[in-house]
Amino acid sequence: MSIYDKLYNQVKEIEARLHRTEAAAAQAANTPVDRRIPGGTGAVTVSGTGTLISVTIDPHNLTSTNGRALGAQIAQTIRDAESQARTQRQHILQSASATGGSAHRGNA
């Protein structure tokens, strides 16, 4: 195999990995994370990139929760969901970059 064939094959492999990584990034961005607020008072949803999408409160479960405590629970749940989205995104991207054949290394 000539050096040009080897280089061509390496470029093709790099392009394939790039496409897999781009597809994985899009998948991660489009995979929302849902977390329940402690005490069953509602739920939080963030996008795969960690952007807050929604906070839903169940008014039937607010009987024993004061505003300050509820605010702290919501804020903590949002932070937890953002962290989970970040971890999920990193895992998806790492899986995509590990998928496929390894680069051909050797004498060029």
C-alpha atoms as a PDB file:
ATOM      1  CA  MET A   1       0.000   0.000   0.000  1.00  0.00           C
ATOM      2  CA  SER A   2       1.444   3.377  -0.974  1.00  0.00           C
ATOM      3  CA  ILE A   3       1.822   6.296   1.408  1.00  0.00           C
ATOM      4  CA  TYR A   4      -0.984   8.075  -0.455  1.00  0.00           C
ATOM      5  CA  ASP A   5      -3.326   5.147   0.107  1.00  0.00           C
ATOM      6  CA  LYS A   6      -2.438   5.115   3.804  1.00  0.00           C
ATOM      7  CA  LEU A   7      -3.048   8.853   4.103  1.00  0.00           C
ATOM      8  CA  TYR A   8      -6.312   8.555   2.192  1.00  0.00           C
ATOM      9  CA  ASN A   9      -7.487   5.776   4.530  1.00  0.00           C
ATOM     10  CA  GLN A  10      -6.557   7.843   7.591  1.00  0.00           C
ATOM     11  CA  VAL A  11      -8.461  10.858   6.259  1.00  0.00           C
ATOM     12  CA  LYS A  12     -11.518   8.671   5.630  1.00  0.00           C
ATOM     13  CA  GLU A  13     -11.325   7.294   9.165  1.00  0.00           C
ATOM     14  CA  ILE A  14     -11.015  10.790  10.634  1.00  0.00           C
ATOM     15  CA  GLU A  15     -14.041  11.919   8.613  1.00  0.00           C
ATOM     16  CA  ALA A  16     -16.042   8.916   9.808  1.00  0.00           C
ATOM     17  CA  ARG A  17     -15.171   9.661  13.443  1.00  0.00           C
ATOM     18  CA  LEU A  18     -16.091  13.302  12.943  1.00  0.00           C
ATOM     19  CA  HIS A  19     -19.490  12.325  11.538  1.00  0.00           C
ATOM     20  CA  ARG A  20     -20.088   9.894  14.430  1.00  0.00           C
ATOM     21  CA  THR A  21     -19.130  12.575  16.941  1.00  0.00           C
ATOM     22  CA  GLU A  22     -21.378  15.175  15.295  1.00  0.00           C
ATOM     23  CA  ALA A  23     -24.292  12.721  15.294  1.00  0.00           C
ATOM     24  CA  ALA A  24     -23.635  11.856  18.945  1.00  0.00           C
ATOM     25  CA  ALA A  25     -23.507  15.558  19.886  1.00  0.00           C
ATOM     26  CA  ALA A  26     -26.867  16.113  18.195  1.00  0.00           C
ATOM     27  CA  GLN A  27     -28.305  13.067  19.971  1.00  0.00           C
ATOM     28  CA  ALA A  28     -26.994  14.278  23.332  1.00  0.00           C
ATOM     29  CA  ALA A  29     -28.393  17.776  22.776  1.00  0.00           C
ATOM     30  CA  ASN A  30     -31.816  16.335  21.932  1.00  0.00           C
ATOM     31  CA  THR A  31     -32.017  13.982  24.916  1.00  0.00           C
ATOM     32  CA  PRO A  32     -33.758  15.784  27.779  1.00  0.00           C
ATOM     33  CA  VAL A  33     -33.183  14.961  31.437  1.00  0.00           C
ATOM     34  CA  ASP A  34     -36.145  14.785  33.839  1.00  0.00           C
ATOM     35  CA  ARG A  35     -35.691  14.939  37.622  1.00  0.00           C
ATOM     36  CA  ARG A  36     -38.325  14.764  40.346  1.00  0.00           C
ATOM     37  CA  ILE A  37     -38.316  17.490  42.973  1.00  0.00           C
ATOM     38  CA  PRO A  38     -37.886  15.942  46.446  1.00  0.00           C
ATOM     39  CA  GLY A  39     -41.117  15.363  48.307  1.00  0.00           C
ATOM     40  CA  GLY A  40     -43.088  14.787  45.116  1.00  0.00           C
ATOM     41  CA  THR A  41     -43.793  18.483  44.682  1.00  0.00           C
ATOM     42  CA  GLY A  42     -43.065  18.420  40.943  1.00  0.00           C
ATOM     43  CA  ALA A  43     -40.444  17.864  38.283  1.00  0.00           C
ATOM     44  CA  VAL A  44     -37.702  19.663  36.384  1.00  0.00           C
ATOM     45  CA  THR A  45     -36.688  19.077  32.762  1.00  0.00           C
ATOM     46  CA  VAL A  46     -33.461  20.286  31.170  1.00  0.00           C
ATOM     47  CA  SER A  47     -32.255  19.790  27.625  1.00  0.00           C
ATOM     48  CA  GLY A  48     -29.338  17.531  26.817  1.00  0.00           C
ATOM     49  CA  THR A  49     -27.154  20.636  26.824  1.00  0.00           C
ATOM     50  CA  GLY A  50     -28.310  21.552  30.339  1.00  0.00           C
ATOM     51  CA  THR A  51     -30.724  24.356  29.407  1.00  0.00           C
ATOM     52  CA  LEU A  52     -33.784  24.557  31.642  1.00  0.00           C
ATOM     53  CA  ILE A  53     -36.887  23.534  29.688  1.00  0.00           C
ATOM     54  CA  SER A  54     -39.552  23.358  32.379  1.00  0.00           C
ATOM     55  CA  VAL A  55     -40.422  23.284  36.052  1.00  0.00           C
ATOM     56  CA  THR A  56     -43.710  21.631  36.902  1.00  0.00           C
ATOM     57  CA  ILE A  57     -45.243  22.001  40.356  1.00  0.00           C
ATOM     58  CA  ASP A  58     -47.979  19.707  41.671  1.00  0.00           C
ATOM     59  CA  PRO A  59     -50.134  21.975  43.851  1.00  0.00           C
ATOM     60  CA  HIS A  60     -51.644  18.987  45.677  1.00  0.00           C
ATOM     61  CA  ASN A  61     -48.265  18.208  47.261  1.00  0.00           C
ATOM     62  CA  LEU A  62     -47.481  21.733  48.474  1.00  0.00           C
ATOM     63  CA  THR A  63     -49.361  21.469  51.755  1.00  0.00           C
ATOM     64  CA  SER A  64     -46.286  21.142  53.988  1.00  0.00           C
ATOM     65  CA  THR A  65     -43.717  23.042  51.915  1.00  0.00           C
ATOM     66  CA  ASN A  66     -42.928  26.711  52.450  1.00  0.00           C
ATOM     67  CA  GLY A  67     -41.780  28.963  49.609  1.00  0.00           C
ATOM     68  CA  ARG A  68     -38.157  29.203  50.676  1.00  0.00           C
ATOM     69  CA  ALA A  69     -37.781  25.423  51.079  1.00  0.00           C
ATOM     70  CA  LEU A  70     -39.530  24.794  47.764  1.00  0.00           C
ATOM     71  CA  GLY A  71     -37.242  27.303  46.022  1.00  0.00           C
ATOM     72  CA  ALA A  72     -34.168  25.566  47.435  1.00  0.00           C
ATOM     73  CA  GLN A  73     -35.483  22.151  46.369  1.00  0.00           C
ATOM     74  CA  ILE A  74     -36.198  23.392  42.848  1.00  0.00           C
ATOM     75  CA  ALA A  75     -32.774  25.040  42.541  1.00  0.00           C
ATOM     76  CA  GLN A  76     -31.007  21.886  43.749  1.00  0.00           C
ATOM     77  CA  THR A  77     -33.050  19.700  41.399  1.00  0.00           C
ATOM     78  CA  ILE A  78     -32.137  21.968  38.464  1.00  0.00           C
ATOM     79  CA  ARG A  79     -28.432  21.706  39.390  1.00  0.00           C
ATOM     80  CA  ASP A  80     -28.738  17.914  39.653  1.00  0.00           C
ATOM     81  CA  ALA A  81     -30.459  17.710  36.257  1.00  0.00           C
ATOM     82  CA  GLU A  82     -27.815  19.960  34.656  1.00  0.00           C
ATOM     83  CA  SER A  83     -25.073  17.763  36.090  1.00  0.00           C
ATOM     84  CA  GLN A  84     -26.813  14.616  34.856  1.00  0.00           C
ATOM     85  CA  ALA A  85     -27.175  16.142  31.359  1.00  0.00           C
ATOM     86  CA  ARG A  86     -23.468  17.036  31.332  1.00  0.00           C
ATOM     87  CA  THR A  87     -22.482  13.508  32.396  1.00  0.00           C
ATOM     88  CA  GLN A  88     -24.880  11.959  29.880  1.00  0.00           C
ATOM     89  CA  ARG A  89     -23.495  14.175  27.080  1.00  0.00           C
ATOM     90  CA  GLN A  90     -19.884  13.279  27.953  1.00  0.00           C
ATOM     91  CA  HIS A  91     -20.745   9.570  28.007  1.00  0.00           C
ATOM     92  CA  ILE A  92     -22.465   9.737  24.610  1.00  0.00           C
ATOM     93  CA  LEU A  93     -19.540  11.645  23.082  1.00  0.00           C
ATOM     94  CA  GLN A  94     -16.951   9.302  24.579  1.00  0.00           C
ATOM     95  CA  SER A  95     -18.868   6.294  23.281  1.00  0.00           C
ATOM     96  CA  ALA A  96     -19.011   7.827  19.801  1.00  0.00           C
ATOM     97  CA  SER A  97     -15.297   8.580  19.713  1.00  0.00           C
ATOM     98  CA  ALA A  98     -14.453   5.061  20.928  1.00  0.00           C
ATOM     99  CA  THR A  99     -16.707   3.425  18.330  1.00  0.00           C
ATOM    100  CA  GLY A 100     -15.255   2.206  15.081  1.00  0.00           C
ATOM    101  CA  GLY A 101     -11.822   1.072  14.057  1.00  0.00           C
ATOM    102  CA  SER A 102      -8.716   2.525  15.555  1.00  0.00           C
ATOM    103  CA  ALA A 103      -6.520   4.720  13.416  1.00  0.00           C
ATOM    104  CA  HIS A 104      -3.918   2.866  11.422  1.00  0.00           C
ATOM    105  CA  ARG A 105      -0.566   3.779  12.839  1.00  0.00           C
ATOM    106  CA  GLY A 106       2.711   2.535  11.632  1.00  0.00           C
ATOM    107  CA  ASN A 107       5.297   3.290   9.084  1.00  0.00           C
ATOM    108  CA  ALA A 108       4.232   6.096   6.802  1.00  0.00           C
END
